[in-house]
C-alpha atoms as a PDB file:
ATOM      1  CA  UNK A   1     -33.237  -1.365  32.598  1.00  0.00           C
ATOM      2  CA  UNK A   2     -36.230  -0.680  30.379  1.00  0.00           C
ATOM      3  CA  UNK A   3     -38.754   2.041  31.012  1.00  0.00           C
ATOM      4  CA  UNK A   4     -42.340   0.867  31.263  1.00  0.00           C
ATOM      5  CA  UNK A   5     -45.342   3.148  30.833  1.00  0.00           C
ATOM      6  CA  UNK A   6     -46.526   2.518  34.349  1.00  0.00           C
ATOM      7  CA  UNK A   7     -43.278   3.044  36.261  1.00  0.00           C
ATOM      8  CA  UNK A   8     -41.726   6.401  35.445  1.00  0.00           C
ATOM      9  CA  UNK A   9     -40.003   7.377  38.676  1.00  0.00           C
ATOM     10  CA  UNK A  10     -36.864   9.217  39.814  1.00  0.00           C
ATOM     11  CA  UNK A  11     -34.668   6.227  39.022  1.00  0.00           C
ATOM     12  CA  UNK A  12     -36.116   6.030  35.507  1.00  0.00           C
ATOM     13  CA  UNK A  13     -35.516   9.741  34.961  1.00  0.00           C
ATOM     14  CA  UNK A  14     -31.903   9.430  36.046  1.00  0.00           C
ATOM     15  CA  UNK A  15     -31.448   6.378  33.819  1.00  0.00           C
ATOM     16  CA  UNK A  16     -32.904   8.323  30.878  1.00  0.00           C
ATOM     17  CA  UNK A  17     -30.641  11.279  31.652  1.00  0.00           C
ATOM     18  CA  UNK A  18     -27.534   9.072  31.808  1.00  0.00           C
ATOM     19  CA  UNK A  19     -28.555   7.370  28.558  1.00  0.00           C
ATOM     20  CA  UNK A  20     -28.601  10.770  26.829  1.00  0.00           C
ATOM     21  CA  UNK A  21     -25.465  11.902  28.670  1.00  0.00           C
ATOM     22  CA  UNK A  22     -23.626   8.863  27.301  1.00  0.00           C
ATOM     23  CA  UNK A  23     -24.195  10.110  23.771  1.00  0.00           C
ATOM     24  CA  UNK A  24     -22.844  13.543  24.622  1.00  0.00           C
ATOM     25  CA  UNK A  25     -19.907  11.974  26.454  1.00  0.00           C
ATOM     26  CA  UNK A  26     -19.115   9.847  23.411  1.00  0.00           C
ATOM     27  CA  UNK A  27     -19.169  12.937  21.196  1.00  0.00           C
ATOM     28  CA  UNK A  28     -16.964  14.966  23.525  1.00  0.00           C
ATOM     29  CA  UNK A  29     -14.346  12.230  23.781  1.00  0.00           C
ATOM     30  CA  UNK A  30     -14.191  11.898  20.026  1.00  0.00           C
ATOM     31  CA  UNK A  31     -13.879  15.648  19.576  1.00  0.00           C
ATOM     32  CA  UNK A  32     -11.074  15.927  22.113  1.00  0.00           C
ATOM     33  CA  UNK A  33      -9.133  13.290  20.193  1.00  0.00           C
ATOM     34  CA  UNK A  34      -9.857  14.636  16.710  1.00  0.00           C
ATOM     35  CA  UNK A  35     -10.399  18.404  16.704  1.00  0.00           C
ATOM     36  CA  UNK A  36      -6.628  19.033  16.662  1.00  0.00           C
ATOM     37  CA  UNK A  37      -6.611  17.335  13.237  1.00  0.00           C
ATOM     38  CA  UNK A  38      -9.174  19.828  11.933  1.00  0.00           C
ATOM     39  CA  UNK A  39      -7.126  22.723  13.280  1.00  0.00           C
ATOM     40  CA  UNK A  40      -4.233  21.468  11.134  1.00  0.00           C
ATOM     41  CA  UNK A  41      -6.442  20.879   8.078  1.00  0.00           C
ATOM     42  CA  UNK A  42      -8.066  24.328   8.102  1.00  0.00           C
ATOM     43  CA  UNK A  43      -6.320  26.930   5.957  1.00  0.00           C
ATOM     44  CA  UNK A  44      -7.985  30.052   7.401  1.00  0.00           C
ATOM     45  CA  UNK A  45      -6.353  31.438  10.551  1.00  0.00           C
ATOM     46  CA  UNK A  46      -9.631  32.502  12.194  1.00  0.00           C
ATOM     47  CA  UNK A  47     -11.143  29.102  11.463  1.00  0.00           C
ATOM     48  CA  UNK A  48      -8.181  27.464  13.188  1.00  0.00           C
ATOM     49  CA  UNK A  49      -8.725  29.751  16.179  1.00  0.00           C
ATOM     50  CA  UNK A  50     -12.468  28.979  16.257  1.00  0.00           C
ATOM     51  CA  UNK A  51     -11.858  25.229  16.183  1.00  0.00           C
ATOM     52  CA  UNK A  52      -9.280  25.589  18.967  1.00  0.00           C
ATOM     53  CA  UNK A  53     -11.768  27.648  21.012  1.00  0.00           C
ATOM     54  CA  UNK A  54     -14.359  24.933  20.459  1.00  0.00           C
ATOM     55  CA  UNK A  55     -11.843  22.307  21.608  1.00  0.00           C
ATOM     56  CA  UNK A  56     -11.154  24.310  24.780  1.00  0.00           C
ATOM     57  CA  UNK A  57     -14.908  24.454  25.467  1.00  0.00           C
ATOM     58  CA  UNK A  58     -15.260  20.723  24.770  1.00  0.00           C
ATOM     59  CA  UNK A  59     -12.597  20.003  27.396  1.00  0.00           C
ATOM     60  CA  UNK A  60     -14.442  22.160  29.962  1.00  0.00           C
ATOM     61  CA  UNK A  61     -17.693  20.419  29.074  1.00  0.00           C
ATOM     62  CA  UNK A  62     -16.066  17.015  29.463  1.00  0.00           C
ATOM     63  CA  UNK A  63     -15.102  17.940  33.022  1.00  0.00           C
ATOM     64  CA  UNK A  64     -18.715  18.923  33.721  1.00  0.00           C
ATOM     65  CA  UNK A  65     -19.972  15.690  32.187  1.00  0.00           C
ATOM     66  CA  UNK A  66     -17.603  13.678  34.382  1.00  0.00           C
ATOM     67  CA  UNK A  67     -18.958  15.562  37.397  1.00  0.00           C
ATOM     68  CA  UNK A  68     -22.558  14.846  36.353  1.00  0.00           C
ATOM     69  CA  UNK A  69     -21.798  11.125  36.247  1.00  0.00           C
ATOM     70  CA  UNK A  70     -20.420  11.375  39.793  1.00  0.00           C
ATOM     71  CA  UNK A  71     -23.416  13.337  41.066  1.00  0.00           C
ATOM     72  CA  UNK A  72     -25.749  10.702  39.622  1.00  0.00           C
ATOM     73  CA  UNK A  73     -23.631   7.791  40.885  1.00  0.00           C
ATOM     74  CA  UNK A  74     -23.234   6.521  37.354  1.00  0.00           C
ATOM     75  CA  UNK A  75     -20.520   5.428  34.941  1.00  0.00           C
ATOM     76  CA  UNK A  76     -20.082   6.380  31.272  1.00  0.00           C
ATOM     77  CA  UNK A  77     -21.048   3.843  28.641  1.00  0.00           C
ATOM     78  CA  UNK A  78     -20.678   3.700  24.852  1.00  0.00           C
ATOM     79  CA  UNK A  79     -24.164   2.206  24.555  1.00  0.00           C
ATOM     80  CA  UNK A  80     -26.146   4.096  21.929  1.00  0.00           C
ATOM     81  CA  UNK A  81     -23.121   5.891  20.463  1.00  0.00           C
ATOM     82  CA  UNK A  82     -23.089   4.117  17.085  1.00  0.00           C
ATOM     83  CA  UNK A  83     -24.965   6.813  15.157  1.00  0.00           C
ATOM     84  CA  UNK A  84     -22.928   9.618  16.709  1.00  0.00           C
ATOM     85  CA  UNK A  85     -19.712   7.766  15.903  1.00  0.00           C
ATOM     86  CA  UNK A  86     -20.825   7.352  12.281  1.00  0.00           C
ATOM     87  CA  UNK A  87     -21.501  11.068  11.879  1.00  0.00           C
ATOM     88  CA  UNK A  88     -18.194  11.965  13.502  1.00  0.00           C
ATOM     89  CA  UNK A  89     -16.276   9.446  11.389  1.00  0.00           C
ATOM     90  CA  UNK A  90     -17.763  11.039   8.274  1.00  0.00           C
ATOM     91  CA  UNK A  91     -16.872  14.515   9.518  1.00  0.00           C
ATOM     92  CA  UNK A  92     -13.280  13.608  10.267  1.00  0.00           C
ATOM     93  CA  UNK A  93     -12.719  11.740   7.005  1.00  0.00           C
ATOM     94  CA  UNK A  94     -12.282  15.083   5.261  1.00  0.00           C
ATOM     95  CA  UNK A  95      -8.598  14.496   4.660  1.00  0.00           C
ATOM     96  CA  UNK A  96      -9.339  11.422   2.549  1.00  0.00           C
ATOM     97  CA  UNK A  97     -11.003  13.436  -0.215  1.00  0.00           C
ATOM     98  CA  UNK A  98      -8.133  14.029  -2.600  1.00  0.00           C
ATOM     99  CA  UNK A  99      -8.420  16.601  -5.336  1.00  0.00           C
ATOM    100  CA  UNK A 100     -10.629  19.008  -3.383  1.00  0.00           C
ATOM    101  CA  UNK A 101      -9.867  22.691  -3.495  1.00  0.00           C
ATOM    102  CA  UNK A 102      -8.853  24.483  -0.305  1.00  0.00           C
ATOM    103  CA  UNK A 103     -12.136  26.396  -0.201  1.00  0.00           C
ATOM    104  CA  UNK A 104     -14.150  23.172  -0.550  1.00  0.00           C
ATOM    105  CA  UNK A 105     -12.139  21.546   2.219  1.00  0.00           C
ATOM    106  CA  UNK A 106     -12.525  24.568   4.508  1.00  0.00           C
ATOM    107  CA  UNK A 107     -16.257  24.850   3.851  1.00  0.00           C
ATOM    108  CA  UNK A 108     -16.630  21.119   4.547  1.00  0.00           C
ATOM    109  CA  UNK A 109     -14.876  21.648   7.867  1.00  0.00           C
ATOM    110  CA  UNK A 110     -17.262  24.481   8.729  1.00  0.00           C
ATOM    111  CA  UNK A 111     -20.268  22.431   7.642  1.00  0.00           C
ATOM    112  CA  UNK A 112     -19.286  19.492   9.827  1.00  0.00           C
ATOM    113  CA  UNK A 113     -18.389  21.699  12.782  1.00  0.00           C
ATOM    114  CA  UNK A 114     -21.869  23.235  12.610  1.00  0.00           C
ATOM    115  CA  UNK A 115     -23.459  19.818  12.177  1.00  0.00           C
ATOM    116  CA  UNK A 116     -21.634  18.580  15.273  1.00  0.00           C
ATOM    117  CA  UNK A 117     -22.641  21.731  17.196  1.00  0.00           C
ATOM    118  CA  UNK A 118     -26.276  21.129  16.259  1.00  0.00           C
ATOM    119  CA  UNK A 119     -26.137  17.502  17.368  1.00  0.00           C
ATOM    120  CA  UNK A 120     -24.687  18.664  20.673  1.00  0.00           C
ATOM    121  CA  UNK A 121     -27.268  21.452  21.003  1.00  0.00           C
ATOM    122  CA  UNK A 122     -30.062  18.959  20.464  1.00  0.00           C
ATOM    123  CA  UNK A 123     -28.519  16.577  22.989  1.00  0.00           C
ATOM    124  CA  UNK A 124     -28.081  19.300  25.598  1.00  0.00           C
ATOM    125  CA  UNK A 125     -31.622  20.544  24.936  1.00  0.00           C
ATOM    126  CA  UNK A 126     -32.883  17.035  25.718  1.00  0.00           C
ATOM    127  CA  UNK A 127     -30.673  16.864  28.827  1.00  0.00           C
ATOM    128  CA  UNK A 128     -31.996  20.260  29.999  1.00  0.00           C
ATOM    129  CA  UNK A 129     -35.544  18.989  29.651  1.00  0.00           C
ATOM    130  CA  UNK A 130     -34.882  15.806  31.598  1.00  0.00           C
ATOM    131  CA  UNK A 131     -32.716  17.578  34.207  1.00  0.00           C
ATOM    132  CA  UNK A 132     -35.563  19.850  35.273  1.00  0.00           C
ATOM    133  CA  UNK A 133     -37.490  16.747  36.375  1.00  0.00           C
ATOM    134  CA  UNK A 134     -34.553  15.138  38.176  1.00  0.00           C
ATOM    135  CA  UNK A 135     -34.377  17.957  40.687  1.00  0.00           C
ATOM    136  CA  UNK A 136     -30.596  18.225  40.981  1.00  0.00           C
ATOM    137  CA  UNK A 137     -29.785  21.930  40.663  1.00  0.00           C
ATOM    138  CA  UNK A 138     -26.071  21.297  40.204  1.00  0.00           C
ATOM    139  CA  UNK A 139     -26.640  18.948  37.253  1.00  0.00           C
ATOM    140  CA  UNK A 140     -29.184  21.351  35.750  1.00  0.00           C
ATOM    141  CA  UNK A 141     -26.705  24.248  35.970  1.00  0.00           C
ATOM    142  CA  UNK A 142     -23.890  22.251  34.350  1.00  0.00           C
ATOM    143  CA  UNK A 143     -26.141  21.221  31.467  1.00  0.00           C
ATOM    144  CA  UNK A 144     -27.187  24.849  30.984  1.00  0.00           C
ATOM    145  CA  UNK A 145     -23.543  25.983  30.892  1.00  0.00           C
ATOM    146  CA  UNK A 146     -22.692  23.359  28.270  1.00  0.00           C
ATOM    147  CA  UNK A 147     -25.759  24.292  26.212  1.00  0.00           C
ATOM    148  CA  UNK A 148     -24.883  27.997  26.318  1.00  0.00           C
ATOM    149  CA  UNK A 149     -21.302  27.309  25.193  1.00  0.00           C
ATOM    150  CA  UNK A 150     -22.571  25.276  22.260  1.00  0.00           C
ATOM    151  CA  UNK A 151     -24.902  28.106  21.225  1.00  0.00           C
ATOM    152  CA  UNK A 152     -21.960  30.528  21.311  1.00  0.00           C
ATOM    153  CA  UNK A 153     -19.776  28.156  19.274  1.00  0.00           C
ATOM    154  CA  UNK A 154     -22.518  27.640  16.690  1.00  0.00           C
ATOM    155  CA  UNK A 155     -22.772  31.425  16.265  1.00  0.00           C
ATOM    156  CA  UNK A 156     -18.983  31.636  16.034  1.00  0.00           C
ATOM    157  CA  UNK A 157     -18.872  29.136  13.153  1.00  0.00           C
ATOM    158  CA  UNK A 158     -21.580  31.069  11.307  1.00  0.00           C
ATOM    159  CA  UNK A 159     -19.499  34.234  11.655  1.00  0.00           C
ATOM    160  CA  UNK A 160     -16.348  32.402  10.557  1.00  0.00           C
ATOM    161  CA  UNK A 161     -18.065  31.040   7.448  1.00  0.00           C
ATOM    162  CA  UNK A 162     -19.295  34.540   6.516  1.00  0.00           C
ATOM    163  CA  UNK A 163     -15.845  36.021   7.117  1.00  0.00           C
ATOM    164  CA  UNK A 164     -14.180  33.225   5.159  1.00  0.00           C
ATOM    165  CA  UNK A 165     -16.487  33.566   2.148  1.00  0.00           C
ATOM    166  CA  UNK A 166     -16.140  37.354   2.199  1.00  0.00           C
ATOM    167  CA  UNK A 167     -12.337  37.012   2.179  1.00  0.00           C
ATOM    168  CA  UNK A 168     -12.441  34.435  -0.617  1.00  0.00           C
ATOM    169  CA  UNK A 169     -14.804  36.548  -2.741  1.00  0.00           C
ATOM    170  CA  UNK A 170     -12.369  39.473  -2.477  1.00  0.00           C
ATOM    171  CA  UNK A 171      -9.577  37.146  -3.665  1.00  0.00           C
ATOM    172  CA  UNK A 172     -11.663  36.204  -6.713  1.00  0.00           C
ATOM    173  CA  UNK A 173     -12.461  39.827  -7.717  1.00  0.00           C
END
């Protein structure tokens, strides 16, 4: 279904919402499968805990996303996920960079975790905007909950990076 300028109705809004939701769904599925690898790759205990906390939130968000599909009588699709998959593939190829120091590897993990959080924040921001026009309070609330969790996780990874660098700078002194 294509959206024309002259026919922007409830059905079009829901189609647009599902189109954006598919991208988030694609991201969440990939994270559920691959975040455990980053937990193993990270050397800093608190970073491992933060990634695990993020994974737990991703699983809760995936349940909400599944519920949103049901509420909108829709099915998930991988359509439009190519760019997201490329970014995620790059992020999870960290283990293939031989010769990197532990600190470089850990900082790369933090960088990509924040990049992924920002992609998700942007996606949920778009979903929040569209959801307010759909008029389904339940969907709107679930999107808000996902958005808020992503904000918290983004802040957590900023704190972890500061803590990590502070610990590493003490080791150097």
